[in-house]
Amino acid sequence: MARPFISPWLRALGSGAALVLVVGCQADAPTTLAPDQSPAKARAGYDTPGMHRQYGTPVKVGDGMARTYVVLDAKSGQAPVELGIALDEKALDGLPTDGMMYAFDLPLPAQSPTPYQFAELDWNPHGHVPPGVYTVPHFDFHFYTISPAQRDAIDPSDPNFAAEASNLPSGDLVPPFYVVPGPPTAVAVPHMGVHWSDVRSPELQALLGNPAGYQPFTKTFIYGSWNGSFTFLEPMVTREYLLSHPDATSPISVPARYAQPGSYPTSYRVTYDPQAKEYRVALSGMTAH
């Protein structure tokens, strides 16, 4: 069942205010992200013999269903290659259109890699308000490395809320170019945490004084943290972009070190499978750490 609530996320960006760089280490100047890989490279190896796709339990979204999946490489001892969320075609229809955000918890497949514990799909009918960068209808695809109970405990009523929000990961745990877009206590989202943005993201360039590099938001990649640790990885994708039936793999910035052992992505994929008639958004290029 969906959990509706109003999201205060990225108020600094949403209001069009100047981006405040709150970082655990030095951030370089904004540059342009590397272009997406070609469709041929994006698909290479993912739907070929030796690769196995395992789905999680489906959850009703819109007029259809959403479910998690993992792609395993049998040639490498069932090593995880990709962890994603698939939405069938009907899931993009019949969605709420009010000003709330709707959250759907999705169980992971049995053979999902560590350290992921569950996924959360959010539908934002009007994007993140007030008006600003992310104000178009879009989905958030959270892959959490903490439990649902730990996520739910991120609550402003907790007397430790401000201290835990301000306890940011630092040093070589922070992916290059990622920053917090404002004071952590101001941008911390209840039952989620603190979101980190890549200063190279095209949709942020007008705010960062680089209007020539600006492109409207279609997709982006977010990291999330709480109380000193990164706790989720999050592609954000617009409904309109999904309906264009994309086939894109985008590189992501990765830290020099991870606090927990497991499989971590080097890219994220946004694709449409015409045979399965489903949209897929995933952490891809998994490597063991």
Protein backbone atom coordinates (compact mmCIF):
# COMPACT_ATOMS: atom_id res chain seq x y z
CA MET A 1 0.00 0.00 0.00
CA ALA A 2 1.23 3.48 -0.81
CA ARG A 3 2.24 5.83 2.01
CA PRO A 4 1.19 9.36 0.96
CA PHE A 5 2.98 12.34 2.42
CA ILE A 6 4.20 15.77 1.36
CA SER A 7 7.90 15.78 0.61
CA PRO A 8 10.00 18.75 1.75
CA TRP A 9 13.03 17.42 -0.13
CA LEU A 10 15.39 19.85 -1.81
CA ARG A 11 13.65 23.01 -0.65
CA ALA A 12 16.83 24.94 -1.43
CA LEU A 13 16.80 23.73 -5.02
CA GLY A 14 13.03 23.84 -5.37
CA SER A 15 12.85 27.49 -4.37
CA GLY A 16 15.54 28.46 -6.85
CA ALA A 17 17.82 29.62 -4.04
CA ALA A 18 21.56 29.52 -4.36
CA LEU A 19 23.02 26.06 -3.85
CA VAL A 20 24.85 25.82 -0.53
CA LEU A 21 27.70 23.33 -0.70
CA VAL A 22 27.80 21.29 2.51
CA VAL A 23 30.47 18.67 1.96
CA GLY A 24 32.61 16.20 3.80
CA CYS A 25 35.53 16.84 1.46
CA GLN A 26 36.62 19.31 -1.22
CA ALA A 27 34.33 19.40 -4.31
CA ASP A 28 35.77 20.25 -7.71
CA ALA A 29 34.21 22.83 -10.02
CA PRO A 30 31.08 21.76 -11.93
CA THR A 31 31.78 19.95 -15.18
CA THR A 32 29.61 18.21 -17.73
CA LEU A 33 28.68 14.59 -17.06
CA ALA A 34 30.00 11.99 -19.46
CA PRO A 35 27.45 11.17 -22.18
CA ASP A 36 25.24 8.09 -21.89
CA GLN A 37 26.58 4.91 -23.32
CA SER A 38 25.14 3.67 -26.59
CA PRO A 39 22.09 1.36 -26.56
CA ALA A 40 24.30 -1.50 -27.75
CA LYS A 41 26.64 -1.10 -24.79
CA ALA A 42 23.76 -0.59 -22.40
CA ARG A 43 22.22 -3.93 -23.31
CA ALA A 44 25.43 -5.89 -23.73
CA GLY A 45 25.46 -8.95 -21.50
CA TYR A 46 22.23 -8.26 -19.60
CA ASP A 47 19.79 -10.34 -21.64
CA THR A 48 22.13 -12.99 -23.03
CA PRO A 49 22.67 -16.68 -22.20
CA GLY A 50 24.24 -17.09 -18.77
CA MET A 51 22.36 -14.12 -17.32
CA HIS A 52 19.40 -14.80 -15.03
CA ARG A 53 16.77 -12.23 -14.07
CA GLN A 54 14.97 -12.89 -10.77
CA TYR A 55 11.94 -10.81 -9.73
CA GLY A 56 10.62 -9.85 -6.33
CA THR A 57 6.99 -9.83 -5.21
CA PRO A 58 4.90 -7.32 -7.25
CA VAL A 59 3.14 -4.36 -5.63
CA LYS A 60 0.21 -2.48 -7.19
CA VAL A 61 1.17 0.94 -8.57
CA GLY A 62 -1.28 2.97 -10.66
CA ASP A 63 -3.28 0.62 -12.89
CA GLY A 64 -0.42 -1.87 -12.97
CA MET A 65 2.36 -3.39 -10.92
CA ALA A 66 5.93 -2.65 -9.84
CA ARG A 67 8.47 -5.20 -8.69
CA THR A 68 12.18 -5.38 -7.98
CA TYR A 69 14.57 -7.60 -9.87
CA VAL A 70 18.18 -8.72 -9.85
CA VAL A 71 20.28 -9.87 -12.81
CA LEU A 72 22.77 -12.61 -11.94
CA ASP A 73 25.72 -13.86 -13.97
CA ALA A 74 25.79 -17.66 -13.90
CA LYS A 75 29.26 -17.67 -15.49
CA SER A 76 30.62 -15.84 -12.44
CA GLY A 77 28.96 -17.89 -9.72
CA GLN A 78 25.67 -15.94 -9.74
CA ALA A 79 27.45 -12.63 -9.20
CA PRO A 80 24.98 -9.71 -9.24
CA VAL A 81 25.18 -7.52 -12.33
CA GLU A 82 22.17 -5.27 -11.87
CA LEU A 83 19.57 -4.47 -9.20
CA GLY A 84 16.47 -2.65 -10.35
CA ILE A 85 12.78 -1.86 -10.25
CA ALA A 86 10.48 -2.80 -13.14
CA LEU A 87 7.14 -1.14 -13.83
CA ASP A 88 4.70 -2.67 -16.30
CA GLU A 89 3.10 -0.38 -18.86
CA LYS A 90 -0.12 0.06 -16.87
CA ALA A 91 1.79 1.25 -13.78
CA LEU A 92 2.32 4.61 -15.47
CA ASP A 93 -1.45 5.08 -15.88
CA GLY A 94 -4.08 5.77 -13.22
CA LEU A 95 -1.57 7.41 -10.86
CA PRO A 96 -2.70 10.00 -8.29
CA THR A 97 -2.55 13.59 -9.53
CA ASP A 98 -2.81 15.53 -6.26
CA GLY A 99 0.01 17.33 -4.45
CA MET A 100 1.05 14.42 -2.26
CA MET A 101 3.98 12.04 -2.72
CA TYR A 102 3.11 8.33 -2.75
CA ALA A 103 5.63 5.80 -1.44
CA PHE A 104 5.57 2.06 -2.18
CA ASP A 105 7.85 -0.37 -0.32
CA LEU A 106 9.06 -3.19 -2.57
CA PRO A 107 10.62 -6.43 -1.28
CA LEU A 108 13.83 -7.51 -2.94
CA PRO A 109 14.34 -10.85 -4.74
CA ALA A 110 15.76 -13.72 -2.71
CA GLN A 111 19.19 -13.50 -4.36
CA SER A 112 19.65 -9.76 -4.08
CA PRO A 113 23.18 -8.67 -3.19
CA THR A 114 24.32 -7.13 0.05
CA PRO A 115 24.05 -4.55 1.52
CA TYR A 116 20.58 -3.76 0.06
CA GLN A 117 17.61 -4.52 2.31
CA PHE A 118 14.58 -3.20 0.41
CA ALA A 119 13.51 -0.74 -2.26
CA GLU A 120 11.09 2.19 -2.13
CA LEU A 121 9.35 3.60 -5.19
CA ASP A 122 7.98 7.15 -4.83
CA TRP A 123 5.52 8.80 -7.21
CA ASN A 124 5.58 12.61 -7.24
CA PRO A 125 2.59 13.90 -9.27
CA HIS A 126 3.83 17.51 -9.23
CA GLY A 127 7.48 16.85 -8.52
CA HIS A 128 9.09 18.44 -5.50
CA VAL A 129 7.50 21.74 -4.50
CA PRO A 130 7.83 24.72 -4.22
CA PRO A 131 8.52 25.37 -7.95
CA GLY A 132 12.08 24.87 -9.11
CA VAL A 133 14.24 22.16 -10.67
CA TYR A 134 12.30 18.94 -10.01
CA THR A 135 8.72 20.10 -10.48
CA VAL A 136 7.63 17.69 -13.23
CA PRO A 137 5.87 14.36 -12.53
CA HIS A 138 8.54 11.80 -11.72
CA PHE A 139 9.47 8.65 -9.81
CA ASP A 140 12.15 8.22 -7.14
CA PHE A 141 13.78 4.77 -7.06
CA HIS A 142 15.35 4.28 -3.60
CA PHE A 143 17.58 1.27 -2.90
CA TYR A 144 18.09 1.20 0.88
CA THR A 145 21.00 -0.32 2.79
CA ILE A 146 19.06 0.01 6.07
CA SER A 147 15.88 -1.73 7.20
CA PRO A 148 12.36 -0.26 6.88
CA ALA A 149 12.30 0.16 10.67
CA GLN A 150 15.54 2.16 10.60
CA ARG A 151 14.20 4.33 7.80
CA ASP A 152 10.93 4.94 9.66
CA ALA A 153 12.89 5.95 12.78
CA ILE A 154 14.20 9.02 10.92
CA ASP A 155 11.60 11.26 12.52
CA PRO A 156 11.67 14.95 13.50
CA SER A 157 10.07 14.03 16.84
CA ASP A 158 13.29 12.21 17.76
CA PRO A 159 15.40 14.55 19.94
CA ASN A 160 18.48 13.30 18.06
CA PHE A 161 17.05 14.17 14.63
CA ALA A 162 19.11 17.33 14.06
CA ALA A 163 22.34 15.81 15.32
CA GLU A 164 21.94 12.68 13.21
CA ALA A 165 21.06 14.70 10.10
CA SER A 166 24.16 16.86 10.58
CA ASN A 167 26.42 13.84 11.07
CA LEU A 168 27.46 13.59 7.42
CA PRO A 169 29.76 10.94 5.93
CA SER A 170 33.15 12.42 5.14
CA GLY A 171 36.51 11.80 3.53
CA ASP A 172 36.88 8.93 1.08
CA LEU A 173 33.33 7.71 1.80
CA VAL A 174 31.93 10.69 -0.16
CA PRO A 175 31.55 10.27 -3.95
CA PRO A 176 33.39 13.04 -5.83
CA PHE A 177 31.20 15.98 -6.93
CA TYR A 178 28.39 15.10 -4.47
CA VAL A 179 27.20 17.77 -2.04
CA VAL A 180 24.27 18.45 0.30
CA PRO A 181 22.17 21.33 -1.16
CA GLY A 182 21.74 23.25 2.06
CA PRO A 183 22.02 22.88 5.85
CA PRO A 184 21.42 19.16 6.59
CA THR A 185 18.76 19.88 9.20
CA ALA A 186 16.85 22.02 6.68
CA VAL A 187 16.92 19.53 3.81
CA ALA A 188 16.61 16.29 5.83
CA VAL A 189 13.45 14.42 4.79
CA PRO A 190 11.51 12.52 7.48
CA HIS A 191 11.56 8.75 6.94
CA MET A 192 14.30 9.14 4.29
CA GLY A 193 17.31 11.17 5.31
CA VAL A 194 19.67 13.72 3.77
CA HIS A 195 19.92 13.81 -0.03
CA TRP A 196 23.20 14.51 -1.86
CA SER A 197 23.32 15.94 -5.42
CA ASP A 198 26.00 15.79 -8.12
CA VAL A 199 27.03 19.38 -8.91
CA ARG A 200 27.65 18.32 -12.53
CA SER A 201 23.99 17.36 -13.07
CA PRO A 202 22.65 19.25 -16.11
CA GLU A 203 19.41 20.29 -14.38
CA LEU A 204 21.41 22.16 -11.69
CA GLN A 205 23.65 24.21 -13.95
CA ALA A 206 21.46 27.32 -14.15
CA LEU A 207 21.43 27.49 -10.33
CA LEU A 208 25.19 27.07 -10.27
CA GLY A 209 25.90 29.92 -12.67
CA ASN A 210 26.45 27.79 -15.77
CA PRO A 211 23.31 28.41 -17.88
CA ALA A 212 24.98 27.13 -21.03
CA GLY A 213 25.24 23.69 -19.44
CA TYR A 214 21.61 23.57 -18.32
CA GLN A 215 19.22 20.87 -19.51
CA PRO A 216 15.73 20.22 -18.12
CA PHE A 217 15.44 17.38 -15.64
CA THR A 218 14.75 13.97 -17.18
CA LYS A 219 16.85 11.70 -14.96
CA THR A 220 19.47 12.11 -12.26
CA PHE A 221 21.22 10.16 -9.52
CA ILE A 222 21.10 10.88 -5.78
CA TYR A 223 22.90 9.48 -2.73
CA GLY A 224 21.26 9.55 0.70
CA SER A 225 22.78 9.54 4.18
CA TRP A 226 21.84 9.43 7.85
CA ASN A 227 23.88 9.62 11.03
CA GLY A 228 27.31 9.28 9.45
CA SER A 229 26.51 6.63 6.82
CA PHE A 230 25.22 6.52 3.27
CA THR A 231 21.90 4.69 3.50
CA PHE A 232 20.37 4.71 0.01
CA LEU A 233 21.14 5.09 -3.69
CA GLU A 234 18.46 6.77 -5.79
CA PRO A 235 17.89 7.25 -9.51
CA MET A 236 15.16 9.86 -10.16
CA VAL A 237 13.36 9.66 -13.52
CA THR A 238 10.47 11.60 -15.03
CA ARG A 239 7.33 9.86 -16.23
CA GLU A 240 7.70 11.60 -19.59
CA TYR A 241 11.22 10.24 -20.04
CA LEU A 242 10.06 6.69 -19.27
CA LEU A 243 7.28 7.03 -21.84
CA SER A 244 9.90 7.85 -24.49
CA HIS A 245 11.11 4.21 -24.16
CA PRO A 246 14.75 5.11 -23.41
CA ASP A 247 17.73 2.79 -23.48
CA ALA A 248 20.41 4.69 -21.57
CA THR A 249 23.22 3.79 -19.21
CA SER A 250 24.75 6.69 -17.28
CA PRO A 251 27.97 6.56 -15.24
CA ILE A 252 27.84 7.63 -11.62
CA SER A 253 30.46 9.02 -9.30
CA VAL A 254 31.60 6.44 -6.76
CA PRO A 255 33.50 6.83 -3.48
CA ALA A 256 37.00 5.53 -2.95
CA ARG A 257 35.77 3.38 -0.07
CA TYR A 258 32.50 1.86 1.19
CA ALA A 259 31.65 1.44 4.86
CA GLN A 260 29.85 -1.87 4.27
CA PRO A 261 31.09 -4.76 2.11
CA GLY A 262 28.88 -5.67 -0.81
CA SER A 263 28.08 -4.96 -4.48
CA TYR A 264 27.93 -1.35 -5.61
CA PRO A 265 27.02 0.22 -8.96
CA THR A 266 29.24 2.17 -11.32
CA SER A 267 26.27 3.29 -13.44
CA TYR A 268 22.49 3.35 -13.56
CA ARG A 269 20.22 2.25 -16.41
CA VAL A 270 16.84 3.48 -17.65
CA THR A 271 15.38 1.14 -20.25
CA TYR A 272 12.20 -0.20 -21.81
CA ASP A 273 11.76 -3.88 -22.69
CA PRO A 274 9.21 -4.20 -25.54
CA GLN A 275 8.90 -7.97 -25.09
CA ALA A 276 8.18 -7.83 -21.35
CA LYS A 277 6.34 -4.50 -21.83
CA GLU A 278 8.01 -3.02 -18.79
CA TYR A 279 10.13 -0.05 -17.85
CA ARG A 280 13.28 -0.75 -15.83
CA VAL A 281 15.37 1.59 -13.68
CA ALA A 282 18.39 -0.02 -12.09
CA LEU A 283 21.74 0.16 -10.37
CA SER A 284 24.11 -1.39 -12.91
CA GLY A 285 27.75 -2.21 -13.45
CA MET A 286 27.87 -3.87 -10.05
CA THR A 287 31.31 -4.48 -8.56
CA ALA A 288 32.26 -6.22 -5.33
CA HIS A 289 33.85 -4.20 -2.51
